[in-house]
Amino acid sequence: MILNCIAVDDEPLALGLVSSFIEQTPFLNLVGRFSSAVDALKAIHSQKIDVLFLDIQMPDLNGIELARVLDNSKANKPRIIFTTAYNQFALEGYKVDALDYLLKPFNYEEFLHAATKALNYAELVEKSNAPAAAAAPVAGVAEERIEDEYLFLKVEYQLVRIALNDILYIEGLKDYVKVWLKSAEKPILSLTSLKSLEEKLPSKKFMRVHRSFIVSLDKINSITRNALQIGKVNITVGDQYKEAFSQFLSKWV
């Protein structure tokens, strides 16, 4: 697999270094280099770009702002690897779903490690899409069974595959979620919203029962009028979710 890349940096030496790193990496293809984020944005919208090596501190439009523009306007946006001399932007980089964060000055080994993450991500996405495409001519039940086995979550700067049958419940915390698993004592923390996960999870297996909780229906141990228990954890059923939860219960009681 070859990834099309763009390098963006207003410092000529830094731009030259990143460009040379890209050119000597076998699975990367340099299709453009820009000293302006505005010029890079035009190129991104005119061709398929897989990876964007992006400086943050730039005039006119900085790297964080460009990442936000791409997040709002482009469905198949390139994955971003920030290249910056300022570590205080790390959290912002995480919030715009950056794949990695290279702190200047970095060497080729560090660059290659970040680039390999991009390659692994692209291969993972390709594999996750392949079964669904192969299953398209098959009956809907078979397709659903393939798609409902797992999901992918952004954890720090990597994509983590989580088996759906391992999930106990999911707790929402503003911009983050905690995914509690039966196979681990500590939850997985991911920068995403509970609403986003609710849309991705199969409704036959998961239900939102509170503005802060989604539960795995087959992991429920006991139920009272206004709450349910999973393991040793009691979760209140919110008022706006009681009707849907009652309908679920009516199938089993």
Protein backbone atom coordinates (compact mmCIF):
# COMPACT_ATOMS: atom_id res chain seq x y z
CA MET A 1 0.00 0.00 0.00
CA ILE A 2 1.26 3.48 -0.96
CA LEU A 3 0.06 6.55 0.94
CA ASN A 4 -0.17 9.92 -0.82
CA CYS A 5 1.31 12.64 1.39
CA ILE A 6 1.54 16.41 1.65
CA ALA A 7 4.07 18.30 3.78
CA VAL A 8 3.16 21.74 5.15
CA ASP A 9 5.59 24.01 7.00
CA ASP A 10 6.42 27.71 6.69
CA GLU A 11 10.06 27.08 7.63
CA PRO A 12 12.01 26.08 4.46
CA LEU A 13 14.53 23.88 6.32
CA ALA A 14 11.82 22.01 8.22
CA LEU A 15 9.76 21.59 5.06
CA GLY A 16 12.79 20.24 3.21
CA LEU A 17 13.57 17.78 5.98
CA VAL A 18 10.05 16.34 6.17
CA SER A 19 9.86 16.16 2.38
CA SER A 20 13.14 14.25 2.21
CA PHE A 21 11.94 11.85 4.93
CA ILE A 22 8.78 11.20 2.93
CA GLU A 23 10.72 10.61 -0.29
CA GLN A 24 13.02 8.02 1.31
CA THR A 25 10.14 6.06 2.86
CA PRO A 26 9.02 3.28 0.44
CA PHE A 27 5.32 3.32 1.34
CA LEU A 28 4.95 7.14 1.17
CA ASN A 29 4.43 9.19 -1.99
CA LEU A 30 5.06 12.94 -1.77
CA VAL A 31 2.49 14.68 -3.96
CA GLY A 32 2.95 18.22 -2.67
CA ARG A 33 4.89 20.49 -0.32
CA PHE A 34 3.58 23.84 0.85
CA SER A 35 4.69 26.72 3.04
CA SER A 36 1.09 27.86 3.48
CA ALA A 37 -1.83 25.96 5.01
CA VAL A 38 -4.21 27.82 2.68
CA ASP A 39 -2.36 26.50 -0.40
CA ALA A 40 -2.32 23.02 1.11
CA LEU A 41 -6.09 23.15 1.66
CA LYS A 42 -6.65 23.77 -2.06
CA ALA A 43 -4.50 20.77 -2.94
CA ILE A 44 -6.28 18.53 -0.43
CA HIS A 45 -9.65 19.31 -1.99
CA SER A 46 -8.40 18.64 -5.50
CA GLN A 47 -6.92 15.16 -4.98
CA LYS A 48 -6.90 12.17 -2.65
CA ILE A 49 -4.44 12.70 0.20
CA ASP A 50 -3.91 9.98 2.79
CA VAL A 51 -1.48 11.67 5.20
CA LEU A 52 -0.80 15.30 6.00
CA PHE A 53 2.47 16.18 7.76
CA LEU A 54 1.48 19.51 9.24
CA ASP A 55 3.27 22.25 11.15
CA ILE A 56 1.16 24.13 13.72
CA GLN A 57 2.61 27.63 14.10
CA MET A 58 2.03 29.25 10.68
CA PRO A 59 0.70 32.64 9.52
CA ASP A 60 -2.79 33.13 8.06
CA LEU A 61 -4.09 29.65 8.89
CA ASN A 62 -2.29 27.53 11.48
CA GLY A 63 -2.17 23.75 11.60
CA ILE A 64 -4.86 23.31 14.26
CA GLU A 65 -7.22 25.58 12.33
CA LEU A 66 -6.59 23.65 9.11
CA ALA A 67 -7.30 20.39 10.91
CA ARG A 68 -10.62 21.79 12.15
CA VAL A 69 -11.55 22.95 8.66
CA LEU A 70 -10.86 19.47 7.29
CA ASP A 71 -12.80 17.86 10.12
CA ASN A 72 -15.89 19.92 9.24
CA SER A 73 -15.73 19.93 5.47
CA LYS A 74 -14.16 16.75 4.12
CA ALA A 75 -15.67 13.29 4.53
CA ASN A 76 -12.54 11.35 3.58
CA LYS A 77 -10.10 13.68 5.28
CA PRO A 78 -6.39 12.83 5.36
CA ARG A 79 -4.89 11.59 8.61
CA ILE A 80 -2.79 14.28 10.24
CA ILE A 81 0.66 13.96 11.76
CA PHE A 82 1.65 17.22 13.41
CA THR A 83 5.27 18.39 13.21
CA THR A 84 5.90 21.20 15.69
CA ALA A 85 8.41 22.65 18.11
CA TYR A 86 5.72 23.34 20.73
CA ASN A 87 4.54 20.55 23.01
CA GLN A 88 1.69 22.64 24.48
CA PHE A 89 -0.40 21.86 21.40
CA ALA A 90 -0.47 18.11 22.09
CA LEU A 91 -3.97 18.14 23.64
CA GLU A 92 -5.34 20.25 20.79
CA GLY A 93 -3.77 17.82 18.35
CA TYR A 94 -5.57 14.97 20.07
CA LYS A 95 -8.89 16.79 19.95
CA VAL A 96 -8.71 17.18 16.17
CA ASP A 97 -8.04 13.44 15.87
CA ALA A 98 -4.39 13.68 14.86
CA LEU A 99 -2.71 10.36 14.22
CA ASP A 100 0.59 11.40 15.82
CA TYR A 101 2.55 14.37 17.12
CA LEU A 102 6.21 14.79 16.19
CA LEU A 103 8.11 17.25 18.34
CA LYS A 104 10.91 19.13 16.55
CA PRO A 105 13.73 18.38 16.18
CA PHE A 106 12.91 14.77 15.30
CA ASN A 107 15.01 12.22 13.45
CA TYR A 108 14.10 9.76 10.71
CA GLU A 109 13.50 6.92 13.18
CA GLU A 110 10.84 8.98 14.96
CA PHE A 111 9.38 10.04 11.62
CA LEU A 112 9.25 6.46 10.39
CA HIS A 113 7.48 5.35 13.58
CA ALA A 114 4.75 7.95 12.97
CA ALA A 115 4.52 7.11 9.27
CA THR A 116 4.15 3.41 10.10
CA LYS A 117 1.20 4.29 12.32
CA ALA A 118 -0.41 5.91 9.30
CA LEU A 119 0.26 2.80 7.19
CA ASN A 120 -1.13 0.49 9.89
CA TYR A 121 -4.21 2.67 10.20
CA ALA A 122 -4.81 2.65 6.44
CA GLU A 123 -4.40 -1.13 6.28
CA LEU A 124 -6.73 -1.57 9.24
CA VAL A 125 -9.41 0.55 7.61
CA GLU A 126 -9.01 -1.33 4.34
CA LYS A 127 -9.38 -4.68 6.10
CA SER A 128 -12.40 -3.52 8.09
CA ASN A 129 -14.11 -2.37 4.89
CA ALA A 130 -13.24 -5.49 2.91
CA PRO A 131 -15.54 -7.98 4.73
CA ALA A 132 -18.52 -5.67 4.39
CA ALA A 133 -17.89 -5.28 0.67
CA ALA A 134 -17.44 -9.02 0.24
CA ALA A 135 -20.63 -9.70 2.16
CA ALA A 136 -22.75 -7.28 0.13
CA PRO A 137 -24.25 -9.98 -2.16
CA VAL A 138 -24.98 -12.21 0.83
CA ALA A 139 -28.11 -12.13 2.96
CA GLY A 140 -28.46 -9.19 5.37
CA VAL A 141 -28.09 -11.39 8.45
CA ALA A 142 -24.62 -12.51 7.40
CA GLU A 143 -23.58 -8.94 6.72
CA GLU A 144 -24.81 -7.76 10.11
CA ARG A 145 -22.97 -10.58 11.88
CA ILE A 146 -19.66 -9.53 10.30
CA GLU A 147 -20.09 -5.83 11.06
CA ASP A 148 -21.28 -6.34 14.63
CA GLU A 149 -18.23 -8.17 15.95
CA TYR A 150 -16.08 -5.19 16.87
CA LEU A 151 -15.55 -1.45 16.67
CA PHE A 152 -12.49 0.79 16.43
CA LEU A 153 -11.78 3.55 18.95
CA LYS A 154 -9.16 6.28 18.92
CA VAL A 155 -7.08 5.76 22.06
CA GLU A 156 -4.28 8.29 22.46
CA TYR A 157 -2.65 8.33 18.99
CA GLN A 158 -3.68 4.89 17.79
CA LEU A 159 -6.75 3.04 16.62
CA VAL A 160 -7.75 0.21 18.95
CA ARG A 161 -10.01 -2.67 17.98
CA ILE A 162 -12.54 -3.66 20.66
CA ALA A 163 -14.72 -6.76 20.54
CA LEU A 164 -18.35 -5.85 21.16
CA ASN A 165 -18.95 -8.90 23.32
CA ASP A 166 -16.18 -7.65 25.64
CA ILE A 167 -17.97 -4.38 26.44
CA LEU A 168 -19.84 -4.16 29.75
CA TYR A 169 -20.96 -0.53 29.56
CA ILE A 170 -19.80 2.86 28.29
CA GLU A 171 -19.67 5.97 30.41
CA GLY A 172 -19.75 9.45 28.88
CA LEU A 173 -17.58 12.26 30.27
CA LYS A 174 -18.03 15.45 28.23
CA ASP A 175 -15.70 15.01 25.22
CA TYR A 176 -14.50 11.59 26.37
CA VAL A 177 -15.93 8.15 26.98
CA LYS A 178 -14.83 5.37 29.29
CA VAL A 179 -15.37 1.91 27.82
CA TRP A 180 -15.53 -0.69 30.59
CA LEU A 181 -14.57 -4.21 29.49
CA LYS A 182 -15.03 -7.59 31.12
CA SER A 183 -11.45 -8.48 30.16
CA ALA A 184 -9.81 -5.48 31.88
CA GLU A 185 -9.93 -3.86 35.31
CA LYS A 186 -9.38 -0.34 34.00
CA PRO A 187 -11.53 1.30 31.31
CA ILE A 188 -10.36 2.44 27.89
CA LEU A 189 -10.47 6.22 27.55
CA SER A 190 -11.31 7.58 24.10
CA LEU A 191 -11.86 11.09 22.77
CA THR A 192 -15.31 10.70 21.26
CA SER A 193 -18.91 11.36 22.25
CA LEU A 194 -21.47 8.98 23.70
CA LYS A 195 -23.87 9.99 20.92
CA SER A 196 -21.33 9.03 18.26
CA LEU A 197 -20.87 5.58 19.80
CA GLU A 198 -24.62 5.14 20.21
CA GLU A 199 -24.99 5.58 16.44
CA LYS A 200 -22.29 3.00 15.70
CA LEU A 201 -23.31 0.28 18.15
CA PRO A 202 -25.94 -2.31 17.12
CA SER A 203 -29.26 -1.51 18.82
CA LYS A 204 -29.98 -5.20 19.36
CA LYS A 205 -27.00 -5.47 21.69
CA PHE A 206 -26.64 -2.03 23.26
CA MET A 207 -28.98 0.57 24.71
CA ARG A 208 -28.55 4.06 26.05
CA VAL A 209 -30.24 4.14 29.45
CA HIS A 210 -28.95 7.44 30.77
CA ARG A 211 -27.44 10.60 29.28
CA SER A 212 -24.09 9.32 30.59
CA PHE A 213 -24.40 5.56 30.04
CA ILE A 214 -24.78 2.97 27.28
CA VAL A 215 -25.07 -0.62 28.48
CA SER A 216 -24.53 -4.00 26.91
CA LEU A 217 -27.93 -5.65 27.22
CA ASP A 218 -26.64 -9.19 27.66
CA LYS A 219 -24.34 -8.09 30.52
CA ILE A 220 -27.19 -6.89 32.76
CA ASN A 221 -27.30 -8.97 35.95
CA SER A 222 -30.39 -7.52 37.64
CA ILE A 223 -33.02 -4.82 37.20
CA THR A 224 -35.09 -2.71 39.58
CA ARG A 225 -37.76 -0.14 38.75
CA ASN A 226 -35.33 2.70 38.10
CA ALA A 227 -31.93 1.07 37.81
CA LEU A 228 -29.97 -1.90 36.52
CA GLN A 229 -26.86 -3.69 37.70
CA ILE A 230 -23.85 -4.88 35.69
CA GLY A 231 -21.40 -6.69 37.92
CA LYS A 232 -21.07 -4.54 41.03
CA VAL A 233 -22.06 -1.33 39.26
CA ASN A 234 -25.56 0.17 39.61
CA ILE A 235 -26.68 2.38 36.72
CA THR A 236 -29.77 4.56 36.97
CA VAL A 237 -32.19 4.55 34.05
CA GLY A 238 -32.81 8.18 33.09
CA ASP A 239 -36.35 9.48 32.72
CA GLN A 240 -36.10 10.08 28.97
CA TYR A 241 -34.88 6.50 28.42
CA LYS A 242 -37.38 4.65 30.63
CA GLU A 243 -39.95 4.07 27.89
CA ALA A 244 -37.47 2.45 25.52
CA PHE A 245 -36.02 0.39 28.37
CA SER A 246 -39.50 -0.76 29.42
CA GLN A 247 -40.18 -1.91 25.86
CA PHE A 248 -37.00 -3.94 25.97
CA LEU A 249 -38.04 -5.49 29.29
CA SER A 250 -41.49 -6.36 28.02
CA LYS A 251 -39.96 -8.88 25.63
CA TRP A 252 -38.45 -10.82 28.51
CA VAL A 253 -40.79 -10.37 31.47
